[in-house]
Protein backbone atom coordinates (compact mmCIF):
# COMPACT_ATOMS: atom_id res chain seq x y z
CA UNK A 1 0.00 0.00 0.00
CA UNK A 2 1.48 3.38 -0.96
CA UNK A 3 2.01 6.08 1.63
CA UNK A 4 -0.78 8.55 2.23
CA UNK A 5 -0.94 11.10 -0.60
CA UNK A 6 1.03 8.93 -3.04
CA UNK A 7 -0.48 7.24 -6.06
CA UNK A 8 -0.30 3.57 -6.74
CA UNK A 9 1.96 2.56 -9.63
CA UNK A 10 0.41 2.76 -13.10
CA UNK A 11 0.37 -1.02 -13.55
CA UNK A 12 -1.52 -1.49 -10.26
CA UNK A 13 -4.15 0.98 -11.47
CA UNK A 14 -4.30 -0.21 -15.10
CA UNK A 15 -4.62 -4.01 -15.03
CA UNK A 16 -7.62 -4.28 -12.64
CA UNK A 17 -9.61 -2.32 -15.24
CA UNK A 18 -8.88 -4.83 -18.02
CA UNK A 19 -11.13 -7.78 -18.80
CA UNK A 20 -9.06 -10.38 -20.69
CA UNK A 21 -10.88 -12.82 -22.96
CA UNK A 22 -10.57 -16.59 -22.71
CA UNK A 23 -9.28 -16.72 -26.29
CA UNK A 24 -5.48 -16.15 -26.29
CA UNK A 25 -5.82 -13.99 -29.43
CA UNK A 26 -8.95 -12.19 -28.22
CA UNK A 27 -9.47 -8.61 -27.22
CA UNK A 28 -8.69 -7.31 -23.76
CA UNK A 29 -11.49 -4.89 -22.97
CA UNK A 30 -10.99 -1.72 -20.94
CA UNK A 31 -13.67 -1.39 -18.25
CA UNK A 32 -12.46 1.91 -16.78
CA UNK A 33 -13.24 5.47 -17.90
CA UNK A 34 -13.92 6.01 -21.58
CA UNK A 35 -13.91 8.97 -23.93
CA UNK A 36 -15.92 9.68 -27.06
CA UNK A 37 -15.99 6.76 -29.45
CA UNK A 38 -15.60 4.16 -26.70
CA UNK A 39 -11.81 4.48 -26.32
CA UNK A 40 -10.40 3.86 -22.85
CA UNK A 41 -8.98 6.81 -20.93
CA UNK A 42 -6.01 6.42 -18.58
CA UNK A 43 -3.56 8.63 -16.66
CA UNK A 44 -0.20 6.84 -16.50
CA UNK A 45 1.24 9.11 -13.81
CA UNK A 46 2.64 11.73 -16.17
CA UNK A 47 -0.01 12.33 -18.81
CA UNK A 48 -3.61 11.59 -19.79
CA UNK A 49 -4.25 9.57 -22.91
CA UNK A 50 -6.07 6.74 -24.58
CA UNK A 51 -5.69 3.53 -22.63
CA UNK A 52 -4.48 1.33 -25.49
CA UNK A 53 -1.21 3.30 -25.78
CA UNK A 54 0.03 2.36 -22.29
CA UNK A 55 0.19 -1.48 -22.67
CA UNK A 56 1.75 -1.07 -26.13
CA UNK A 57 4.48 1.15 -24.65
CA UNK A 58 5.06 -1.32 -21.82
CA UNK A 59 5.56 -4.20 -24.26
CA UNK A 60 7.26 -2.56 -27.26
CA UNK A 61 8.66 0.75 -26.02
CA UNK A 62 7.77 4.41 -26.56
CA UNK A 63 5.64 5.60 -29.48
CA UNK A 64 7.56 8.16 -31.57
CA UNK A 65 6.18 11.70 -31.86
CA UNK A 66 3.75 12.17 -34.73
CA UNK A 67 2.65 8.53 -34.74
CA UNK A 68 -0.52 7.05 -33.29
CA UNK A 69 -1.51 3.68 -31.87
CA UNK A 70 -4.06 2.10 -34.25
CA UNK A 71 -6.32 -0.92 -33.65
CA UNK A 72 -6.05 -3.98 -35.92
CA UNK A 73 -9.21 -5.41 -34.34
CA UNK A 74 -11.37 -2.26 -34.70
CA UNK A 75 -12.56 -2.52 -31.09
CA UNK A 76 -12.02 0.92 -29.47
CA UNK A 77 -12.01 -0.48 -25.92
CA UNK A 78 -9.37 -3.14 -26.73
CA UNK A 79 -6.04 -2.71 -24.92
CA UNK A 80 -4.33 -5.92 -26.10
CA UNK A 81 -0.87 -4.74 -27.26
CA UNK A 82 -0.84 -7.47 -29.94
CA UNK A 83 -3.92 -5.83 -31.53
CA UNK A 84 -2.20 -2.43 -31.80
CA UNK A 85 0.04 -1.18 -34.61
CA UNK A 86 1.85 2.12 -34.92
CA UNK A 87 1.26 4.40 -37.87
CA UNK A 88 0.50 7.91 -39.01
CA UNK A 89 -2.95 9.47 -39.04
CA UNK A 90 -2.97 8.76 -42.79
CA UNK A 91 -2.22 5.07 -42.18
CA UNK A 92 -5.06 4.93 -39.66
CA UNK A 93 -7.48 6.60 -42.10
CA UNK A 94 -6.45 4.26 -44.92
CA UNK A 95 -6.95 1.26 -42.64
CA UNK A 96 -10.39 2.62 -41.70
CA UNK A 97 -11.36 3.12 -45.36
CA UNK A 98 -10.04 -0.32 -46.39
CA UNK A 99 -12.25 -1.92 -43.74
CA UNK A 100 -15.28 0.14 -44.80
CA UNK A 101 -15.56 2.06 -41.54
CA UNK A 102 -15.22 5.56 -42.96
CA UNK A 103 -18.10 7.94 -42.39
CA UNK A 104 -17.96 9.41 -45.89
CA UNK A 105 -20.47 7.75 -48.21
CA UNK A 106 -19.17 6.30 -51.44
CA UNK A 107 -20.76 5.51 -54.80
CA UNK A 108 -24.15 3.86 -54.45
CA UNK A 109 -24.97 5.69 -51.21
CA UNK A 110 -27.89 8.17 -51.49
CA UNK A 111 -25.86 11.01 -49.96
CA UNK A 112 -23.08 10.40 -52.47
CA UNK A 113 -25.51 10.71 -55.36
CA UNK A 114 -26.97 13.90 -53.86
CA UNK A 115 -23.54 15.49 -53.41
CA UNK A 116 -22.55 14.60 -56.99
CA UNK A 117 -25.76 16.17 -58.29
CA UNK A 118 -25.00 19.30 -56.24
CA UNK A 119 -21.53 19.50 -57.75
CA UNK A 120 -22.90 19.17 -61.28
CA UNK A 121 -25.53 21.92 -60.87
CA UNK A 122 -24.12 25.41 -60.09
CA UNK A 123 -27.60 26.78 -59.21
CA UNK A 124 -29.64 26.34 -56.04
CA UNK A 125 -33.32 25.31 -55.96
CA UNK A 126 -34.40 28.97 -56.35
CA UNK A 127 -32.12 29.57 -59.32
CA UNK A 128 -29.36 31.54 -57.57
CA UNK A 129 -25.76 30.94 -58.67
CA UNK A 130 -23.76 29.31 -55.86
CA UNK A 131 -20.28 27.97 -55.26
CA UNK A 132 -19.87 24.21 -55.85
CA UNK A 133 -21.08 22.03 -52.98
CA UNK A 134 -21.89 25.10 -50.85
CA UNK A 135 -25.02 26.75 -49.56
CA UNK A 136 -26.42 29.55 -51.65
CA UNK A 137 -25.51 32.98 -50.23
CA UNK A 138 -28.72 34.59 -51.47
CA UNK A 139 -30.93 31.91 -49.89
CA UNK A 140 -28.90 32.18 -46.68
CA UNK A 141 -29.42 35.96 -46.60
CA UNK A 142 -33.17 35.52 -47.20
CA UNK A 143 -33.41 33.03 -44.31
CA UNK A 144 -31.47 35.45 -42.11
CA UNK A 145 -33.83 38.32 -43.01
CA UNK A 146 -36.93 36.20 -42.31
CA UNK A 147 -35.53 35.05 -38.98
CA UNK A 148 -34.63 38.60 -37.99
CA UNK A 149 -38.15 39.82 -38.85
CA UNK A 150 -40.04 36.95 -37.19
CA UNK A 151 -37.95 36.07 -34.12
CA UNK A 152 -37.81 38.83 -31.46
CA UNK A 153 -35.27 36.96 -29.31
CA UNK A 154 -32.93 36.54 -32.28
CA UNK A 155 -33.41 40.23 -33.17
CA UNK A 156 -32.53 41.29 -29.59
CA UNK A 157 -29.40 39.13 -29.54
CA UNK A 158 -28.32 40.39 -32.95
CA UNK A 159 -28.78 44.04 -31.90
CA UNK A 160 -26.81 43.40 -28.67
CA UNK A 161 -23.99 41.88 -30.73
CA UNK A 162 -24.10 44.84 -33.11
CA UNK A 163 -23.99 47.32 -30.21
CA UNK A 164 -21.08 45.48 -28.61
CA UNK A 165 -19.27 45.38 -31.96
CA UNK A 166 -19.90 49.10 -32.47
CA UNK A 167 -18.56 49.86 -28.97
CA UNK A 168 -15.40 47.79 -29.59
CA UNK A 169 -14.89 49.60 -32.90
CA UNK A 170 -15.22 53.01 -31.23
CA UNK A 171 -12.69 51.97 -28.57
CA UNK A 172 -10.23 50.93 -31.28
CA UNK A 173 -10.72 54.23 -33.13
CA UNK A 174 -10.13 56.20 -29.92
CA UNK A 175 -7.02 54.14 -29.10
CA UNK A 176 -5.58 54.74 -32.60
CA UNK A 177 -6.30 58.47 -32.38
CA UNK A 178 -4.67 58.64 -28.94
CA UNK A 179 -1.60 56.73 -30.18
CA UNK A 180 -1.36 59.00 -33.21
CA UNK A 181 -1.62 62.11 -31.00
CA UNK A 182 1.09 60.83 -28.63
CA UNK A 183 3.38 59.90 -31.53
CA UNK A 184 3.01 63.34 -33.12
CA UNK A 185 3.52 65.04 -29.77
CA UNK A 186 6.73 63.05 -29.23
CA UNK A 187 7.91 64.11 -32.72
CA UNK A 188 7.36 67.76 -31.79
CA UNK A 189 4.41 68.32 -34.12
CA UNK A 190 2.47 70.17 -31.42
CA UNK A 191 4.84 72.91 -30.21
């Protein structure tokens, strides 16, 4: 037992939170704290990070800067060092795409077809010219005008922002004028 106020070693805190499978080649699941996406979260005594990095570093050594620990098994909570490989972000994204886990739809997906149709047609639904694969500026301005006219809360917030922006602008103008005056005074312009 460590002395009062001292932390237990990282290994003593890490391994009780791991559930090893019966299969020797199976995943070891992290049961401790998790972050977005289901990845384990662990503080090794010096830094916070994803939990699957720590066992890899214990078995194979430090991970060089600029490289990431990627899962071969595609299980975010897995901390088995044999299921981890080191690569760049590009390698990780290529691995994700090769396994069909990327979020971007490809050919045959309805969103893909819609985006291709948007790219082919330079006009929005109302006939305004727009930039490729972007919202129409004219339609966006019309929506903004309608919202400003019909939503009193939005109008109040917008006017408060405008007043604050105007006040900041006036402060900047005064500061520039003051700086200009002081510079000219130092140069002997006002004698």
